Amino acid sequence: LLFTYYSVWVVVLPFVDSDHALNKYFLPREYSVILPALAA
């Protein structure tokens, strides 16, 4: 589940419009780098 969520967040979401409803389920894109670095 975590891998799927992160993959959609990093790979798919940049190609989706910013006003699309899918964006409300994800954090801002800056966190896609900060959270894995913090986890490491």
Full PDB file with SEQRES, HELIX, SHEET, SSBOND, CRYST1, ORIGX, SCALE, CONECT and MASTER records, all heavy atoms in Angstrom:
SEQRES   1 A   40  LEU LEU PHE THR TYR TYR SER VAL TRP VAL VAL VAL LEU          
SEQRES   2 A   40  PRO PHE VAL ASP SER ASP HIS ALA LEU ASN LYS TYR PHE          
SEQRES   3 A   40  LEU PRO ARG GLU TYR SER VAL ILE LEU PRO ALA LEU ALA          
SEQRES   4 A   40  ALA                                                          
HELIX    1 AA1 LEU A    2  SER A    7  1                                   6    
HELIX    2 AA2 VAL A    8  VAL A   12  3                                   5    
HELIX    3 AA3 LEU A   13  PHE A   15  5                                   3    
HELIX    4 AA4 ALA A   21  TYR A   25  5                                   5    
HELIX    5 AA5 TYR A   31  ALA A   39  1                                   9    
CRYST1    1.000    1.000    1.000  90.00  90.00  90.00 P 1           1          
ORIGX1      1.000000  0.000000  0.000000        0.00000                         
ORIGX2      0.000000  1.000000  0.000000        0.00000                         
ORIGX3      0.000000  0.000000  1.000000        0.00000                         
SCALE1      1.000000  0.000000  0.000000        0.00000                         
SCALE2      0.000000  1.000000  0.000000        0.00000                         
SCALE3      0.000000  0.000000  1.000000        0.00000                         
ATOM      1  N   LEU A   1       0.821  -1.200   0.000  1.00  0.00           N  
ATOM      2  CA  LEU A   1       0.000   0.000   0.000  1.00  0.00           C  
ATOM      3  C   LEU A   1       0.864   1.262   0.000  1.00  0.00           C  
ATOM      4  O   LEU A   1       0.612   2.206  -0.762  1.00  0.00           O  
ATOM      5  CB  LEU A   1      -0.927  -0.001   1.211  1.00  0.00           C  
ATOM      6  CG  LEU A   1      -1.849   1.194   1.371  1.00  0.00           C  
ATOM      7  CD1 LEU A   1      -2.889   1.197   0.265  1.00  0.00           C  
ATOM      8  CD2 LEU A   1      -2.516   1.156   2.723  1.00  0.00           C  
ATOM      9  N   LEU A   2       1.903   1.282   0.818  1.00  0.00           N  
ATOM     10  CA  LEU A   2       2.805   2.434   0.885  1.00  0.00           C  
ATOM     11  C   LEU A   2       3.538   2.634  -0.436  1.00  0.00           C  
ATOM     12  O   LEU A   2       3.669   3.765  -0.921  1.00  0.00           O  
ATOM     13  CB  LEU A   2       3.792   2.243   2.030  1.00  0.00           C  
ATOM     14  CG  LEU A   2       4.684   3.418   2.368  1.00  0.00           C  
ATOM     15  CD1 LEU A   2       3.835   4.572   2.885  1.00  0.00           C  
ATOM     16  CD2 LEU A   2       5.706   3.021   3.407  1.00  0.00           C  
ATOM     17  N   PHE A   3       4.013   1.550  -1.043  1.00  0.00           N  
ATOM     18  CA  PHE A   3       4.702   1.638  -2.329  1.00  0.00           C  
ATOM     19  C   PHE A   3       3.773   2.162  -3.414  1.00  0.00           C  
ATOM     20  O   PHE A   3       4.162   3.017  -4.219  1.00  0.00           O  
ATOM     21  CB  PHE A   3       5.257   0.267  -2.727  1.00  0.00           C  
ATOM     22  CG  PHE A   3       5.896   0.247  -4.083  1.00  0.00           C  
ATOM     23  CD1 PHE A   3       7.150   0.797  -4.267  1.00  0.00           C  
ATOM     24  CD2 PHE A   3       5.238  -0.301  -5.162  1.00  0.00           C  
ATOM     25  CE1 PHE A   3       7.746   0.796  -5.518  1.00  0.00           C  
ATOM     26  CE2 PHE A   3       5.816  -0.316  -6.408  1.00  0.00           C  
ATOM     27  CZ  PHE A   3       7.077   0.236  -6.598  1.00  0.00           C  
ATOM     28  N   THR A   4       2.546   1.671  -3.441  1.00  0.00           N  
ATOM     29  CA  THR A   4       1.579   2.126  -4.445  1.00  0.00           C  
ATOM     30  C   THR A   4       1.250   3.600  -4.258  1.00  0.00           C  
ATOM     31  O   THR A   4       1.229   4.370  -5.233  1.00  0.00           O  
ATOM     32  CB  THR A   4       0.296   1.283  -4.368  1.00  0.00           C  
ATOM     33  OG1 THR A   4       0.644  -0.087  -4.522  1.00  0.00           O  
ATOM     34  CG2 THR A   4      -0.691   1.685  -5.438  1.00  0.00           C  
ATOM     35  N   TYR A   5       1.008   4.012  -3.015  1.00  0.00           N  
ATOM     36  CA  TYR A   5       0.698   5.415  -2.717  1.00  0.00           C  
ATOM     37  C   TYR A   5       1.845   6.319  -3.142  1.00  0.00           C  
ATOM     38  O   TYR A   5       1.655   7.327  -3.822  1.00  0.00           O  
ATOM     39  CB  TYR A   5       0.417   5.571  -1.220  1.00  0.00           C  
ATOM     40  CG  TYR A   5       0.112   6.986  -0.790  1.00  0.00           C  
ATOM     41  CD1 TYR A   5      -1.172   7.489  -0.878  1.00  0.00           C  
ATOM     42  CD2 TYR A   5       1.104   7.803  -0.294  1.00  0.00           C  
ATOM     43  CE1 TYR A   5      -1.467   8.785  -0.478  1.00  0.00           C  
ATOM     44  CE2 TYR A   5       0.831   9.102   0.107  1.00  0.00           C  
ATOM     45  CZ  TYR A   5      -0.453   9.582   0.013  1.00  0.00           C  
ATOM     46  OH  TYR A   5      -0.721  10.859   0.401  1.00  0.00           O  
ATOM     47  N   TYR A   6       3.079   5.956  -2.768  1.00  0.00           N  
ATOM     48  CA  TYR A   6       4.237   6.786  -3.098  1.00  0.00           C  
ATOM     49  C   TYR A   6       4.478   6.815  -4.603  1.00  0.00           C  
ATOM     50  O   TYR A   6       4.820   7.863  -5.155  1.00  0.00           O  
ATOM     51  CB  TYR A   6       5.475   6.266  -2.361  1.00  0.00           C  
ATOM     52  CG  TYR A   6       6.668   7.172  -2.505  1.00  0.00           C  
ATOM     53  CD1 TYR A   6       6.751   8.348  -1.776  1.00  0.00           C  
ATOM     54  CD2 TYR A   6       7.695   6.868  -3.385  1.00  0.00           C  
ATOM     55  CE1 TYR A   6       7.830   9.195  -1.917  1.00  0.00           C  
ATOM     56  CE2 TYR A   6       8.783   7.704  -3.529  1.00  0.00           C  
ATOM     57  CZ  TYR A   6       8.845   8.865  -2.791  1.00  0.00           C  
ATOM     58  OH  TYR A   6       9.924   9.709  -2.938  1.00  0.00           O  
ATOM     59  N   SER A   7       4.289   5.673  -5.274  1.00  0.00           N  
ATOM     60  CA  SER A   7       4.496   5.641  -6.722  1.00  0.00           C  
ATOM     61  C   SER A   7       3.505   6.535  -7.447  1.00  0.00           C  
ATOM     62  O   SER A   7       3.877   7.268  -8.371  1.00  0.00           O  
ATOM     63  CB  SER A   7       4.375   4.208  -7.237  1.00  0.00           C  
ATOM     64  OG  SER A   7       5.389   3.420  -6.688  1.00  0.00           O  
ATOM     65  N   VAL A   8       2.249   6.488  -7.040  1.00  0.00           N  
ATOM     66  CA  VAL A   8       1.249   7.362  -7.667  1.00  0.00           C  
ATOM     67  C   VAL A   8       1.580   8.814  -7.367  1.00  0.00           C  
ATOM     68  O   VAL A   8       1.493   9.685  -8.237  1.00  0.00           O  
ATOM     69  CB  VAL A   8      -0.174   7.001  -7.174  1.00  0.00           C  
ATOM     70  CG1 VAL A   8      -1.185   8.052  -7.601  1.00  0.00           C  
ATOM     71  CG2 VAL A   8      -0.578   5.642  -7.701  1.00  0.00           C  
ATOM     72  N   TRP A   9       1.998   9.097  -6.145  1.00  0.00           N  
ATOM     73  CA  TRP A   9       2.318  10.468  -5.720  1.00  0.00           C  
ATOM     74  C   TRP A   9       3.471  11.042  -6.536  1.00  0.00           C  
ATOM     75  O   TRP A   9       3.434  12.187  -6.967  1.00  0.00           O  
ATOM     76  CB  TRP A   9       2.669  10.425  -4.247  1.00  0.00           C  
ATOM     77  CG  TRP A   9       2.908  11.730  -3.563  1.00  0.00           C  
ATOM     78  CD1 TRP A   9       2.476  12.966  -3.937  1.00  0.00           C  
ATOM     79  CD2 TRP A   9       3.625  11.930  -2.353  1.00  0.00           C  
ATOM     80  NE1 TRP A   9       2.871  13.902  -3.034  1.00  0.00           N  
ATOM     81  CE2 TRP A   9       3.588  13.293  -2.051  1.00  0.00           C  
ATOM     82  CE3 TRP A   9       4.294  11.069  -1.493  1.00  0.00           C  
ATOM     83  CZ2 TRP A   9       4.203  13.825  -0.921  1.00  0.00           C  
ATOM     84  CZ3 TRP A   9       4.892  11.588  -0.369  1.00  0.00           C  
ATOM     85  CH2 TRP A   9       4.842  12.964  -0.096  1.00  0.00           C  
ATOM     86  N   VAL A  10       4.510  10.232  -6.781  1.00  0.00           N  
ATOM     87  CA  VAL A  10       5.717  10.733  -7.431  1.00  0.00           C  
ATOM     88  C   VAL A  10       5.664  10.598  -8.949  1.00  0.00           C  
ATOM     89  O   VAL A  10       6.140  11.470  -9.663  1.00  0.00           O  
ATOM     90  CB  VAL A  10       6.956   9.995  -6.858  1.00  0.00           C  
ATOM     91  CG1 VAL A  10       8.197  10.332  -7.631  1.00  0.00           C  
ATOM     92  CG2 VAL A  10       7.131  10.328  -5.395  1.00  0.00           C  
ATOM     93  N   VAL A  11       5.055   9.534  -9.454  1.00  0.00           N  
ATOM     94  CA  VAL A  11       5.101   9.270 -10.891  1.00  0.00           C  
ATOM     95  C   VAL A  11       3.881   9.820 -11.621  1.00  0.00           C  
ATOM     96  O   VAL A  11       4.009  10.424 -12.687  1.00  0.00           O  
ATOM     97  CB  VAL A  11       5.250   7.749 -11.147  1.00  0.00           C  
ATOM     98  CG1 VAL A  11       5.208   7.448 -12.621  1.00  0.00           C  
ATOM     99  CG2 VAL A  11       6.534   7.237 -10.527  1.00  0.00           C  
ATOM    100  N   VAL A  12       2.693   9.645 -11.062  1.00  0.00           N  
ATOM    101  CA  VAL A  12       1.467  10.005 -11.771  1.00  0.00           C  
ATOM    102  C   VAL A  12       1.048  11.449 -11.502  1.00  0.00           C  
ATOM    103  O   VAL A  12       0.657  12.172 -12.420  1.00  0.00           O  
ATOM    104  CB  VAL A  12       0.328   9.030 -11.394  1.00  0.00           C  
ATOM    105  CG1 VAL A  12      -0.987   9.448 -12.027  1.00  0.00           C  
ATOM    106  CG2 VAL A  12       0.689   7.618 -11.794  1.00  0.00           C  
ATOM    107  N   LEU A  13       1.138  11.873 -10.264  1.00  0.00           N  
ATOM    108  CA  LEU A  13       0.589  13.167  -9.874  1.00  0.00           C  
ATOM    109  C   LEU A  13       1.196  14.376 -10.596  1.00  0.00           C  
ATOM    110  O   LEU A  13       0.477  15.341 -10.858  1.00  0.00           O  
ATOM    111  CB  LEU A  13       0.718  13.350  -8.360  1.00  0.00           C  
ATOM    112  CG  LEU A  13      -0.319  14.245  -7.715  1.00  0.00           C  
ATOM    113  CD1 LEU A  13      -1.722  13.742  -7.975  1.00  0.00           C  
ATOM    114  CD2 LEU A  13      -0.066  14.357  -6.239  1.00  0.00           C  
ATOM    115  N   PRO A  14       2.482  14.373 -10.975  1.00  0.00           N  
ATOM    116  CA  PRO A  14       2.988  15.527 -11.724  1.00  0.00           C  
ATOM    117  C   PRO A  14       2.308  15.749 -13.071  1.00  0.00           C  
ATOM    118  O   PRO A  14       2.329  16.856 -13.612  1.00  0.00           O  
ATOM    119  CB  PRO A  14       4.471  15.205 -11.915  1.00  0.00           C  
ATOM    120  CG  PRO A  14       4.810  14.333 -10.777  1.00  0.00           C  
ATOM    121  CD  PRO A  14       3.579  13.508 -10.543  1.00  0.00           C  
ATOM    122  N   PHE A  15       1.673  14.704 -13.609  1.00  0.00           N  
ATOM    123  CA  PHE A  15       1.011  14.828 -14.912  1.00  0.00           C  
ATOM    124  C   PHE A  15      -0.480  15.140 -14.793  1.00  0.00           C  
ATOM    125  O   PHE A  15      -1.168  15.251 -15.797  1.00  0.00           O  
ATOM    126  CB  PHE A  15       1.208  13.545 -15.719  1.00  0.00           C  
ATOM    127  CG  PHE A  15       2.652  13.246 -15.996  1.00  0.00           C  
ATOM    128  CD1 PHE A  15       3.301  12.237 -15.322  1.00  0.00           C  
ATOM    129  CD2 PHE A  15       3.368  14.009 -16.904  1.00  0.00           C  
ATOM    130  CE1 PHE A  15       4.637  11.963 -15.556  1.00  0.00           C  
ATOM    131  CE2 PHE A  15       4.700  13.755 -17.151  1.00  0.00           C  
ATOM    132  CZ  PHE A  15       5.339  12.729 -16.475  1.00  0.00           C  
ATOM    133  N   VAL A  16      -0.975  15.273 -13.565  1.00  0.00           N  
ATOM    134  CA  VAL A  16      -2.384  15.574 -13.328  1.00  0.00           C  
ATOM    135  C   VAL A  16      -2.518  17.064 -13.046  1.00  0.00           C  
ATOM    136  O   VAL A  16      -1.660  17.662 -12.393  1.00  0.00           O  
ATOM    137  CB  VAL A  16      -2.905  14.736 -12.131  1.00  0.00           C  
ATOM    138  CG1 VAL A  16      -4.331  15.087 -11.794  1.00  0.00           C  
ATOM    139  CG2 VAL A  16      -2.774  13.255 -12.425  1.00  0.00           C  
ATOM    140  N   ASP A  17      -3.594  17.674 -13.523  1.00  0.00           N  
ATOM    141  CA  ASP A  17      -3.821  19.095 -13.277  1.00  0.00           C  
ATOM    142  C   ASP A  17      -3.894  19.380 -11.786  1.00  0.00           C  
ATOM    143  O   ASP A  17      -4.354  18.558 -10.990  1.00  0.00           O  
ATOM    144  CB  ASP A  17      -5.132  19.544 -13.938  1.00  0.00           C  
ATOM    145  CG  ASP A  17      -5.032  19.548 -15.449  1.00  0.00           C  
ATOM    146  OD1 ASP A  17      -3.907  19.701 -15.965  1.00  0.00           O  
ATOM    147  OD2 ASP A  17      -6.076  19.390 -16.103  1.00  0.00           O  
ATOM    148  N   SER A  18      -3.450  20.562 -11.399  1.00  0.00           N  
ATOM    149  CA  SER A  18      -3.399  20.910  -9.971  1.00  0.00           C  
ATOM    150  C   SER A  18      -4.791  21.080  -9.367  1.00  0.00           C  
ATOM    151  O   SER A  18      -4.942  20.994  -8.149  1.00  0.00           O  
ATOM    152  CB  SER A  18      -2.582  22.181  -9.770  1.00  0.00           C  
ATOM    153  OG  SER A  18      -3.156  23.250 -10.480  1.00  0.00           O  
ATOM    154  N   ASP A  19      -5.819  21.318 -10.175  1.00  0.00           N  
ATOM    155  CA  ASP A  19      -7.170  21.473  -9.636  1.00  0.00           C  
ATOM    156  C   ASP A  19      -7.981  20.162  -9.680  1.00  0.00           C  
ATOM    157  O   ASP A  19      -9.160  20.156  -9.354  1.00  0.00           O  
ATOM    158  CB  ASP A  19      -7.910  22.582 -10.381  1.00  0.00           C  
ATOM    159  CG  ASP A  19      -8.014  22.323 -11.881  1.00  0.00           C  
ATOM    160  OD1 ASP A  19      -7.266  21.456 -12.383  1.00  0.00           O  
ATOM    161  OD2 ASP A  19      -8.827  22.987 -12.534  1.00  0.00           O  
ATOM    162  N   HIS A  20      -7.343  19.072 -10.042  1.00  0.00           N  
ATOM    163  CA  HIS A  20      -8.017  17.772 -10.095  1.00  0.00           C  
ATOM    164  C   HIS A  20      -8.293  17.268  -8.678  1.00  0.00           C  
ATOM    165  O   HIS A  20      -7.563  17.557  -7.739  1.00  0.00           O  
ATOM    166  CB  HIS A  20      -7.145  16.771 -10.855  1.00  0.00           C  
ATOM    167  CG  HIS A  20      -7.865  15.535 -11.259  1.00  0.00           C  
ATOM    168  ND1 HIS A  20      -7.949  14.431 -10.442  1.00  0.00           N  
ATOM    169  CD2 HIS A  20      -8.540  15.208 -12.390  1.00  0.00           C  
ATOM    170  CE1 HIS A  20      -8.644  13.487 -11.045  1.00  0.00           C  
ATOM    171  NE2 HIS A  20      -9.003  13.936 -12.242  1.00  0.00           N  
ATOM    172  N   ALA A  21      -9.356  16.490  -8.513  1.00  0.00           N  
ATOM    173  CA  ALA A  21      -9.758  15.977  -7.197  1.00  0.00           C  
ATOM    174  C   ALA A  21      -8.741  15.003  -6.608  1.00  0.00           C  
ATOM    175  O   ALA A  21      -8.685  14.827  -5.389  1.00  0.00           O  
ATOM    176  CB  ALA A  21     -11.113  15.297  -7.300  1.00  0.00           C  
ATOM    177  N   LEU A  22      -7.926  14.394  -7.442  1.00  0.00           N  
ATOM    178  CA  LEU A  22      -6.919  13.448  -6.959  1.00  0.00           C  
ATOM    179  C   LEU A  22      -5.880  14.116  -6.068  1.00  0.00           C  
ATOM    180  O   LEU A  22      -5.325  13.491  -5.170  1.00  0.00           O  
ATOM    181  CB  LEU A  22      -6.244  12.785  -8.163  1.00  0.00           C  
ATOM    182  CG  LEU A  22      -5.261  11.658  -7.904  1.00  0.00           C  
ATOM    183  CD1 LEU A  22      -5.988  10.479  -7.250  1.00  0.00           C  
ATOM    184  CD2 LEU A  22      -4.608  11.214  -9.184  1.00  0.00           C  
ATOM    185  N   ASN A  23      -5.629  15.388  -6.280  1.00  0.00           N  
ATOM    186  CA  ASN A  23      -4.603  16.106  -5.520  1.00  0.00           C  
ATOM    187  C   ASN A  23      -4.938  16.265  -4.046  1.00  0.00           C  
ATOM    188  O   ASN A  23      -4.031  16.460  -3.238  1.00  0.00           O  
ATOM    189  CB  ASN A  23      -4.355  17.485  -6.129  1.00  0.00           C  
ATOM    190  CG  ASN A  23      -3.499  17.407  -7.363  1.00  0.00           C  
ATOM    191  OD1 ASN A  23      -2.535  16.663  -7.403  1.00  0.00           O  
ATOM    192  ND2 ASN A  23      -3.869  18.167  -8.378  1.00  0.00           N  
ATOM    193  N   LYS A  24      -6.191  16.165  -3.666  1.00  0.00           N  
ATOM    194  CA  LYS A  24      -6.545  16.359  -2.259  1.00  0.00           C  
ATOM    195  C   LYS A  24      -6.163  15.167  -1.389  1.00  0.00           C  
ATOM    196  O   LYS A  24      -6.161  15.269  -0.173  1.00  0.00           O  
ATOM    197  CB  LYS A  24      -8.034  16.668  -2.106  1.00  0.00           C  
ATOM    198  CG  LYS A  24      -8.959  15.525  -2.411  1.00  0.00           C  
ATOM    199  CD  LYS A  24     -10.406  15.935  -2.215  1.00  0.00           C  
ATOM    200  CE  LYS A  24     -11.317  14.775  -2.564  1.00  0.00           C  
ATOM    201  NZ  LYS A  24     -12.706  15.117  -2.372  1.00  0.00           N  
ATOM    202  N   TYR A  25      -5.802  14.038  -1.988  1.00  0.00           N  
ATOM    203  CA  TYR A  25      -5.409  12.852  -1.239  1.00  0.00           C  
ATOM    204  C   TYR A  25      -3.901  12.769  -0.995  1.00  0.00           C  
ATOM    205  O   TYR A  25      -3.445  11.821  -0.370  1.00  0.00           O  
ATOM    206  CB  TYR A  25      -5.865  11.587  -1.966  1.00  0.00           C  
ATOM    207  CG  TYR A  25      -7.364  11.502  -2.100  1.00  0.00           C  
ATOM    208  CD1 TYR A  25      -7.981  11.670  -3.332  1.00  0.00           C  
ATOM    209  CD2 TYR A  25      -8.159  11.275  -0.990  1.00  0.00           C  
ATOM    210  CE1 TYR A  25      -9.357  11.593  -3.454  1.00  0.00           C  
ATOM    211  CE2 TYR A  25      -9.534  11.204  -1.098  1.00  0.00           C  
ATOM    212  CZ  TYR A  25     -10.122  11.370  -2.334  1.00  0.00           C  
ATOM    213  OH  TYR A  25     -11.482  11.302  -2.450  1.00  0.00           O  
ATOM    214  N   PHE A  26      -3.146  13.720  -1.481  1.00  0.00           N  
ATOM    215  CA  PHE A  26      -1.689  13.671  -1.387  1.00  0.00           C  
ATOM    216  C   PHE A  26      -1.153  14.961  -0.772  1.00  0.00           C  
ATOM    217  O   PHE A  26      -1.741  16.029  -0.920  1.00  0.00           O  
ATOM    218  CB  PHE A  26      -1.069  13.485  -2.777  1.00  0.00           C  
ATOM    219  CG  PHE A  26      -1.427  12.182  -3.420  1.00  0.00           C  
ATOM    220  CD1 PHE A  26      -2.520  12.078  -4.267  1.00  0.00           C  
ATOM    221  CD2 PHE A  26      -0.682  11.054  -3.170  1.00  0.00           C  
ATOM    222  CE1 PHE A  26      -2.863  10.882  -4.859  1.00  0.00           C  
ATOM    223  CE2 PHE A  26      -1.016   9.845  -3.757  1.00  0.00           C  
ATOM    224  CZ  PHE A  26      -2.102   9.763  -4.599  1.00  0.00           C  
ATOM    225  N   LEU A  27      -0.014  14.828  -0.105  1.00  0.00           N  
ATOM    226  CA  LEU A  27       0.685  15.988   0.445  1.00  0.00           C  
ATOM    227  C   LEU A  27       1.323  16.778  -0.696  1.00  0.00           C  
ATOM    228  O   LEU A  27       1.440  16.280  -1.823  1.00  0.00           O  
ATOM    229  CB  LEU A  27       1.769  15.523   1.410  1.00  0.00           C  
ATOM    230  CG  LEU A  27       1.295  14.878   2.702  1.00  0.00           C  
ATOM    231  CD1 LEU A  27       2.487  14.292   3.448  1.00  0.00           C  
ATOM    232  CD2 LEU A  27       0.586  15.886   3.570  1.00  0.00           C  
ATOM    233  N   PRO A  28       1.785  18.007  -0.421  1.00  0.00           N  
ATOM    234  CA  PRO A  28       2.517  18.746  -1.459  1.00  0.00           C  
ATOM    235  C   PRO A  28       3.757  17.973  -1.922  1.00  0.00           C  
ATOM    236  O   PRO A  28       4.317  17.151  -1.202  1.00  0.00           O  
ATOM    237  CB  PRO A  28       2.922  20.040  -0.742  1.00  0.00           C  
ATOM    238  CG  PRO A  28       1.921  20.195   0.342  1.00  0.00           C  
ATOM    239  CD  PRO A  28       1.557  18.813   0.767  1.00  0.00           C  
ATOM    240  N   ARG A  29       4.202  18.253  -3.128  1.00  0.00           N  
ATOM    241  CA  ARG A  29       5.280  17.480  -3.748  1.00  0.00           C  
ATOM    242  C   ARG A  29       6.616  17.603  -3.020  1.00  0.00           C  
ATOM    243  O   ARG A  29       7.461  16.726  -3.130  1.00  0.00           O  
ATOM    244  CB  ARG A  29       5.449  17.906  -5.201  1.00  0.00           C  
ATOM    245  CG  ARG A  29       4.294  17.445  -6.041  1.00  0.00           C  
ATOM    246  CD  ARG A  29       4.551  17.669  -7.516  1.00  0.00           C  
ATOM    247  NE  ARG A  29       3.348  17.345  -8.255  1.00  0.00           N  
ATOM    248  CZ  ARG A  29       2.659  18.221  -8.953  1.00  0.00           C  
ATOM    249  NH1 ARG A  29       3.058  19.455  -9.036  1.00  0.00           N  
ATOM    250  NH2 ARG A  29       1.575  17.838  -9.586  1.00  0.00           N  
ATOM    251  N   GLU A  30       6.832  18.680  -2.282  1.00  0.00           N  
ATOM    252  CA  GLU A  30       8.101  18.843  -1.566  1.00  0.00           C  
ATOM    253  C   GLU A  30       8.308  17.697  -0.564  1.00  0.00           C  
ATOM    254  O   GLU A  30       9.425  17.276  -0.304  1.00  0.00           O  
ATOM    255  CB  GLU A  30       8.146  20.171  -0.806  1.00  0.00           C  
ATOM    256  CG  GLU A  30       8.048  21.391  -1.682  1.00  0.00           C  
ATOM    257  CD  GLU A  30       6.616  21.787  -1.989  1.00  0.00           C  
ATOM    258  OE1 GLU A  30       5.729  21.562  -1.137  1.00  0.00           O  
ATOM    259  OE2 GLU A  30       6.385  22.306  -3.095  1.00  0.00           O  
ATOM    260  N   TYR A  31       7.211  17.225   0.001  1.00  0.00           N  
ATOM    261  CA  TYR A  31       7.305  16.155   0.995  1.00  0.00           C  
ATOM    262  C   TYR A  31       7.699  14.817   0.385  1.00  0.00           C  
ATOM    263  O   TYR A  31       8.098  13.912   1.105  1.00  0.00           O  
ATOM    264  CB  TYR A  31       5.975  16.014   1.738  1.00  0.00           C  
ATOM    265  CG  TYR A  31       5.680  17.174   2.638  1.00  0.00           C  
ATOM    266  CD1 TYR A  31       4.720  18.109   2.301  1.00  0.00           C  
ATOM    267  CD2 TYR A  31       6.365  17.335   3.822  1.00  0.00           C  
ATOM    268  CE1 TYR A  31       4.446  19.175   3.125  1.00  0.00           C  
ATOM    269  CE2 TYR A  31       6.107  18.395   4.663  1.00  0.00           C  
ATOM    270  CZ  TYR A  31       5.137  19.321   4.305  1.00  0.00           C  
ATOM    271  OH  TYR A  31       4.881  20.374   5.122  1.00  0.00           O  
ATOM    272  N   SER A  32       7.600  14.675  -0.933  1.00  0.00           N  
ATOM    273  CA  SER A  32       7.989  13.413  -1.559  1.00  0.00           C  
ATOM    274  C   SER A  32       9.497  13.195  -1.493  1.00  0.00           C  
ATOM    275  O   SER A  32       9.969  12.077  -1.679  1.00  0.00           O  
ATOM    276  CB  SER A  32       7.515  13.358  -3.009  1.00  0.00           C  
ATOM    277  OG  SER A  32       8.181  14.328  -3.790  1.00  0.00           O  
ATOM    278  N   VAL A  33      10.247  14.252  -1.218  1.00  0.00           N  
ATOM    279  CA  VAL A  33      11.687  14.126  -1.020  1.00  0.00           C  
ATOM    280  C   VAL A  33      12.022  14.184   0.465  1.00  0.00           C  
ATOM    281  O   VAL A  33      12.875  13.434   0.947  1.00  0.00           O  
ATOM    282  CB  VAL A  33      12.427  15.249  -1.781  1.00  0.00           C  
ATOM    283  CG1 VAL A  33      13.909  15.220  -1.488  1.00  0.00           C  
ATOM    284  CG2 VAL A  33      12.169  15.145  -3.265  1.00  0.00           C  
ATOM    285  N   ILE A  34      11.335  15.038   1.205  1.00  0.00           N  
ATOM    286  CA  ILE A  34      11.641  15.242   2.620  1.00  0.00           C  
ATOM    287  C   ILE A  34      11.316  13.997   3.448  1.00  0.00           C  
ATOM    288  O   ILE A  34      12.129  13.572   4.288  1.00  0.00           O  
ATOM    289  CB  ILE A  34      10.876  16.469   3.153  1.00  0.00           C  
ATOM    290  CG1 ILE A  34      11.385  17.735   2.467  1.00  0.00           C  
ATOM    291  CG2 ILE A  34      10.998  16.579   4.654  1.00  0.00           C  
ATOM    292  CD1 ILE A  34      10.547  18.962   2.738  1.00  0.00           C  
ATOM    293  N   LEU A  35      10.159  13.396   3.249  1.00  0.00           N  
ATOM    294  CA  LEU A  35       9.756  12.247   4.063  1.00  0.00           C  
ATOM    295  C   LEU A  35      10.655  11.019   3.887  1.00  0.00           C  
ATOM    296  O   LEU A  35      11.063  10.412   4.894  1.00  0.00           O  
ATOM    297  CB  LEU A  35       8.293  11.899   3.790  1.00  0.00           C  
ATOM    298  CG  LEU A  35       7.272  12.913   4.314  1.00  0.00           C  
ATOM    299  CD1 LEU A  35       5.865  12.502   3.924  1.00  0.00           C  
ATOM    300  CD2 LEU A  35       7.387  13.078   5.809  1.00  0.00           C  
ATOM    301  N   PRO A  36      11.016  10.616   2.668  1.00  0.00           N  
ATOM    302  CA  PRO A  36      11.952   9.485   2.550  1.00  0.00           C  
ATOM    303  C   PRO A  36      13.337   9.800   3.120  1.00  0.00           C  
ATOM    304  O   PRO A  36      13.978   8.923   3.699  1.00  0.00           O  
ATOM    305  CB  PRO A  36      12.030   9.221   1.048  1.00  0.00           C  
ATOM    306  CG  PRO A  36      10.774   9.764   0.506  1.00  0.00           C  
ATOM    307  CD  PRO A  36      10.435  10.951   1.350  1.00  0.00           C  
ATOM    308  N   ALA A  37      13.794  11.047   2.982  1.00  0.00           N  
ATOM    309  CA  ALA A  37      15.089  11.416   3.566  1.00  0.00           C  
ATOM    310  C   ALA A  37      15.031  11.338   5.089  1.00  0.00           C  
ATOM    311  O   ALA A  37      15.965  10.829   5.730  1.00  0.00           O  
ATOM    312  CB  ALA A  37      15.486  12.822   3.120  1.00  0.00           C  
ATOM    313  N   LEU A  38      13.958  11.808   5.668  1.00  0.00           N  
ATOM    314  CA  LEU A  38      13.782  11.726   7.115  1.00  0.00           C  
ATOM    315  C   LEU A  38      13.697  10.266   7.575  1.00  0.00           C  
ATOM    316  O   LEU A  38      14.297   9.896   8.588  1.00  0.00           O  
ATOM    317  CB  LEU A  38      12.525  12.491   7.531  1.00  0.00           C  
ATOM    318  CG  LEU A  38      12.244  12.588   9.015  1.00  0.00           C  
ATOM    319  CD1 LEU A  38      13.341  13.383   9.708  1.00  0.00           C  
ATOM    320  CD2 LEU A  38      10.903  13.245   9.242  1.00  0.00           C  
ATOM    321  N   ALA A  39      12.994   9.451   6.828  1.00  0.00           N  
ATOM    322  CA  ALA A  39      12.898   8.029   7.156  1.00  0.00           C  
ATOM    323  C   ALA A  39      14.268   7.354   7.070  1.00  0.00           C  
ATOM    324  O   ALA A  39      14.601   6.504   7.907  1.00  0.00           O  
ATOM    325  CB  ALA A  39      11.904   7.334   6.229  1.00  0.00           C  
ATOM    326  N   ALA A  40      15.083   7.734   6.097  1.00  0.00           N  
ATOM    327  CA  ALA A  40      16.428   7.164   5.969  1.00  0.00           C  
ATOM    328  C   ALA A  40      17.305   7.562   7.144  1.00  0.00           C  
ATOM    329  O   ALA A  40      18.063   6.739   7.670  1.00  0.00           O  
ATOM    330  CB  ALA A  40      17.062   7.611   4.650  1.00  0.00           C  
TER     331      ALA A  40                                                      
MASTER        0    0    0    5    0    0    0    6  330    1    0    4          
END                                                                             
